[in-house]
Amino acid sequence: MNLQYKKILTFFSILTLLFALSACGNKAKETSSEEKEDTSEEVSTSEDEETAVEEETTTETPQAAHSYIFDSNWETFKENFAENANKVRPEISVINDYGTKESLAGLRHDGKIKEGLFVSVNMKRDNPDKIGYAVVLGSIDPNEDPNYADVWLCSGTLMMTVDSSLMPEEKQNIAAHLKMATHLQDNEELVYQYEGVEYKVTYDVGNAGKDVVEFSALQLN
């Protein structure tokens, strides 16, 4: 039991690290943007003092728009997934094409990372060039299978790939609601909606001691 507890803490720590690293690039961009805003404000202030007539400039900073992967195709999705996964675990960064098939939702692209670990996306039926749904599926033995850690790392990577503008605290909040990196109950299903995306985790006890974990992200209309 103590070993399992340590494993859970380790996996959640890795997820936290993954989320933190993904924010580095965003913070660098924000710093550059803030410097430009400071320079712009100084020029504006100088002009106001000279003319004393111009209108006051707005100081409110507009809320950052979320950057979704849903407007991209399968190839772009794989590239973004690899970029995010490489920050923590390069071994799970490559998605190999496993096949395509028609589903009720639309054309589905299936990819395989390694044995028992898959990533798929469903394209929108009314727009086959854009993604509507993405999922990580893992077959694991929670007591000893190393896939247990990789399933959750892939899930965290998918979360970042779906919405690259999420801040670390937002990702950690989603992960906490979905009890990611913890042991779930048989047939347990957890759903959390945030910023136009429905995230879902399902856990099923399978055959021959192998359980199935599924993490998905669906664009809401």
Protein backbone atom coordinates (compact mmCIF):
# COMPACT_ATOMS: atom_id res chain seq x y z
CA MET A 1 0.00 0.00 0.00
CA ASN A 2 2.85 2.36 0.83
CA LEU A 3 4.45 1.59 -2.50
CA GLN A 4 1.22 2.38 -4.32
CA TYR A 5 0.91 5.66 -2.43
CA LYS A 6 4.45 6.60 -3.40
CA LYS A 7 3.70 5.76 -7.04
CA ILE A 8 0.64 8.00 -7.01
CA LEU A 9 2.64 10.90 -5.55
CA THR A 10 5.37 10.35 -8.13
CA PHE A 11 2.97 10.33 -11.07
CA PHE A 12 1.14 13.43 -9.86
CA SER A 13 4.50 15.18 -9.37
CA ILE A 14 5.46 14.32 -12.94
CA LEU A 15 2.15 15.71 -14.18
CA THR A 16 2.76 18.90 -12.22
CA LEU A 17 6.25 19.18 -13.71
CA LEU A 18 4.85 18.60 -17.19
CA PHE A 19 2.31 21.38 -16.71
CA ALA A 20 4.91 23.75 -15.25
CA LEU A 21 7.37 23.21 -18.11
CA SER A 22 4.69 23.84 -20.69
CA ALA A 23 4.11 27.30 -19.21
CA CYS A 24 7.72 28.44 -19.66
CA GLY A 25 7.21 29.40 -23.27
CA ASN A 26 3.97 31.21 -22.45
CA LYS A 27 5.63 33.20 -19.66
CA ALA A 28 8.46 34.26 -21.96
CA LYS A 29 5.92 35.54 -24.47
CA GLU A 30 3.99 37.33 -21.73
CA THR A 31 7.17 39.04 -20.46
CA SER A 32 7.99 40.27 -23.94
CA SER A 33 4.42 41.48 -24.36
CA GLU A 34 4.50 43.31 -21.01
CA GLU A 35 7.72 45.10 -21.94
CA LYS A 36 6.11 46.32 -25.15
CA GLU A 37 3.04 47.48 -23.21
CA ASP A 38 5.22 49.39 -20.71
CA THR A 39 7.01 51.21 -23.55
CA SER A 40 3.70 52.00 -25.21
CA GLU A 41 2.29 53.41 -21.95
CA GLU A 42 5.32 55.69 -21.49
CA VAL A 43 4.89 57.16 -24.97
CA SER A 44 1.16 57.59 -24.41
CA THR A 45 1.73 59.36 -21.07
CA SER A 46 4.21 61.74 -22.65
CA GLU A 47 1.78 62.62 -25.40
CA ASP A 48 -1.04 63.17 -22.89
CA GLU A 49 1.05 65.57 -20.86
CA GLU A 50 1.93 67.59 -23.93
CA THR A 51 -1.55 67.87 -25.41
CA ALA A 52 -3.70 67.55 -22.23
CA VAL A 53 -6.58 66.93 -24.62
CA GLU A 54 -6.28 63.33 -25.79
CA GLU A 55 -8.53 60.66 -24.34
CA GLU A 56 -7.21 58.41 -21.59
CA THR A 57 -5.82 55.13 -22.88
CA THR A 58 -7.48 51.95 -21.68
CA THR A 59 -5.41 50.18 -19.02
CA GLU A 60 -7.39 46.93 -18.95
CA THR A 61 -5.60 43.96 -20.42
CA PRO A 62 -7.89 41.77 -22.55
CA GLN A 63 -8.19 38.16 -21.41
CA ALA A 64 -5.98 35.81 -23.42
CA ALA A 65 -7.87 33.77 -26.00
CA HIS A 66 -7.61 30.02 -25.61
CA SER A 67 -5.57 28.29 -28.27
CA TYR A 68 -7.33 25.05 -29.19
CA ILE A 69 -6.02 22.19 -31.34
CA PHE A 70 -9.53 21.53 -32.66
CA ASP A 71 -9.01 23.67 -35.75
CA SER A 72 -6.05 21.55 -36.87
CA ASN A 73 -5.65 18.23 -38.65
CA TRP A 74 -4.21 14.86 -37.55
CA GLU A 75 -0.63 15.63 -38.62
CA THR A 76 -0.55 18.94 -36.76
CA PHE A 77 -2.02 17.25 -33.71
CA LYS A 78 0.79 14.66 -33.68
CA GLU A 79 3.43 17.38 -34.01
CA ASN A 80 2.01 19.36 -31.08
CA PHE A 81 1.63 16.22 -28.97
CA ALA A 82 5.28 15.29 -29.61
CA GLU A 83 6.46 18.79 -28.69
CA ASN A 84 4.65 18.67 -25.34
CA ALA A 85 5.64 15.09 -24.49
CA ASN A 86 9.32 15.73 -25.27
CA LYS A 87 9.50 18.17 -22.35
CA VAL A 88 9.19 15.35 -19.82
CA ARG A 89 9.20 11.89 -21.44
CA PRO A 90 10.39 11.64 -25.07
CA GLU A 91 9.57 7.91 -25.08
CA ILE A 92 5.85 8.72 -25.35
CA SER A 93 6.19 11.56 -27.85
CA VAL A 94 5.88 9.62 -31.11
CA ILE A 95 2.41 8.62 -32.32
CA ASN A 96 2.63 6.02 -35.07
CA ASP A 97 -0.29 5.79 -37.49
CA TYR A 98 -2.36 2.72 -36.65
CA GLY A 99 -5.24 3.15 -39.09
CA THR A 100 -8.30 5.22 -40.00
CA LYS A 101 -11.96 4.26 -39.94
CA GLU A 102 -15.38 5.81 -40.15
CA SER A 103 -17.25 6.16 -36.87
CA LEU A 104 -20.60 7.65 -35.93
CA ALA A 105 -18.86 10.94 -35.12
CA GLY A 106 -16.80 11.05 -38.32
CA LEU A 107 -13.46 9.88 -39.65
CA ARG A 108 -11.22 8.60 -36.84
CA HIS A 109 -7.43 8.52 -36.90
CA ASP A 110 -5.86 5.94 -34.59
CA GLY A 111 -2.28 6.17 -33.40
CA LYS A 112 -0.12 3.85 -31.32
CA ILE A 113 2.63 5.00 -28.95
CA LYS A 114 3.57 1.53 -27.71
CA GLU A 115 1.94 -1.75 -26.77
CA GLY A 116 -1.22 -1.04 -24.80
CA LEU A 117 -1.06 2.74 -25.26
CA PHE A 118 -3.01 4.54 -28.01
CA VAL A 119 -4.03 8.06 -29.05
CA SER A 120 -6.94 8.77 -31.40
CA VAL A 121 -8.79 11.77 -32.81
CA ASN A 122 -12.19 12.03 -34.44
CA MET A 123 -12.53 14.58 -37.21
CA LYS A 124 -15.71 16.66 -37.38
CA ARG A 125 -18.29 15.07 -39.66
CA ASP A 126 -19.23 18.44 -41.18
CA ASN A 127 -15.57 19.45 -41.49
CA PRO A 128 -13.20 16.48 -41.94
CA ASP A 129 -10.15 18.76 -41.79
CA LYS A 130 -10.80 19.76 -38.17
CA ILE A 131 -10.70 17.75 -34.93
CA GLY A 132 -13.77 17.44 -32.72
CA TYR A 133 -12.66 14.81 -30.23
CA ALA A 134 -9.35 13.41 -28.95
CA VAL A 135 -8.62 10.48 -26.64
CA VAL A 136 -5.82 8.58 -24.88
CA LEU A 137 -6.49 4.89 -24.23
CA GLY A 138 -4.27 2.69 -22.09
CA SER A 139 -4.38 -0.95 -21.01
CA ILE A 140 -2.60 -1.34 -17.67
CA ASP A 141 -1.87 -3.42 -14.62
CA PRO A 142 -2.06 -0.73 -11.89
CA ASN A 143 0.11 -2.77 -9.54
CA GLU A 144 3.19 -3.23 -11.70
CA ASP A 145 2.74 -2.17 -15.31
CA PRO A 146 4.94 0.84 -16.28
CA ASN A 147 2.16 1.85 -18.66
CA TYR A 148 0.29 3.09 -15.58
CA ALA A 149 2.54 6.15 -15.38
CA ASP A 150 2.64 6.64 -19.13
CA VAL A 151 -1.16 6.63 -19.48
CA TRP A 152 -1.43 9.58 -17.12
CA LEU A 153 1.53 11.37 -18.70
CA CYS A 154 -0.09 10.94 -22.12
CA SER A 155 -3.35 12.25 -20.66
CA GLY A 156 -1.60 15.34 -19.32
CA THR A 157 0.12 15.80 -22.68
CA LEU A 158 -3.22 15.55 -24.46
CA MET A 159 -4.68 18.19 -22.15
CA MET A 160 -1.86 20.59 -23.03
CA THR A 161 -2.13 19.76 -26.72
CA VAL A 162 -5.87 20.42 -26.78
CA ASP A 163 -5.54 23.85 -25.14
CA SER A 164 -2.01 25.26 -25.22
CA SER A 165 -3.00 28.47 -23.40
CA LEU A 166 -3.97 26.74 -20.13
CA MET A 167 -1.86 27.90 -17.21
CA PRO A 168 -0.27 25.34 -14.81
CA GLU A 169 -2.83 26.01 -12.08
CA GLU A 170 -5.68 25.49 -14.57
CA LYS A 171 -4.23 22.16 -15.72
CA GLN A 172 -3.69 21.03 -12.14
CA ASN A 173 -7.28 21.98 -11.31
CA ILE A 174 -8.60 19.87 -14.20
CA ALA A 175 -6.34 16.98 -13.19
CA ALA A 176 -7.59 17.19 -9.59
CA HIS A 177 -11.26 17.12 -10.65
CA LEU A 178 -10.61 14.04 -12.79
CA LYS A 179 -8.46 12.35 -10.11
CA MET A 180 -5.67 11.85 -12.63
CA ALA A 181 -2.69 9.75 -11.49
CA THR A 182 -4.77 8.04 -8.80
CA HIS A 183 -6.51 4.68 -8.55
CA LEU A 184 -10.11 4.93 -9.68
CA GLN A 185 -12.97 2.56 -8.94
CA ASP A 186 -14.23 -0.01 -11.42
CA ASN A 187 -16.45 1.61 -14.07
CA GLU A 188 -15.84 5.03 -12.56
CA GLU A 189 -16.41 7.96 -14.92
CA LEU A 190 -15.45 11.56 -14.13
CA VAL A 191 -16.35 14.57 -16.29
CA TYR A 192 -15.21 18.17 -16.03
CA GLN A 193 -16.03 21.03 -18.41
CA TYR A 194 -13.71 24.00 -18.70
CA GLU A 195 -13.36 26.80 -21.26
CA GLY A 196 -15.41 25.13 -23.97
CA VAL A 197 -13.91 21.65 -23.58
CA GLU A 198 -15.33 18.57 -21.87
CA TYR A 199 -12.60 16.44 -20.27
CA LYS A 200 -13.49 12.92 -19.21
CA VAL A 201 -11.77 10.00 -17.52
CA THR A 202 -13.19 6.48 -17.48
CA TYR A 203 -11.72 3.48 -15.69
CA ASP A 204 -12.77 -0.11 -16.33
CA VAL A 205 -11.44 -3.33 -14.86
CA GLY A 206 -10.68 -5.53 -17.83
CA ASN A 207 -9.76 -9.14 -18.47
CA ALA A 208 -6.58 -10.98 -17.41
CA GLY A 209 -5.76 -8.39 -14.78
CA LYS A 210 -5.52 -5.55 -17.28
CA ASP A 211 -7.52 -2.41 -16.57
CA VAL A 212 -8.42 0.23 -19.15
CA VAL A 213 -7.97 3.96 -18.61
CA GLU A 214 -9.44 6.44 -21.09
CA PHE A 215 -8.86 10.20 -21.05
CA SER A 216 -10.76 12.26 -23.61
CA ALA A 217 -11.31 15.87 -24.63
CA LEU A 218 -14.40 16.94 -26.57
CA GLN A 219 -15.00 20.37 -28.05
CA LEU A 220 -18.34 21.71 -26.83
CA ASN A 221 -20.62 23.56 -29.24
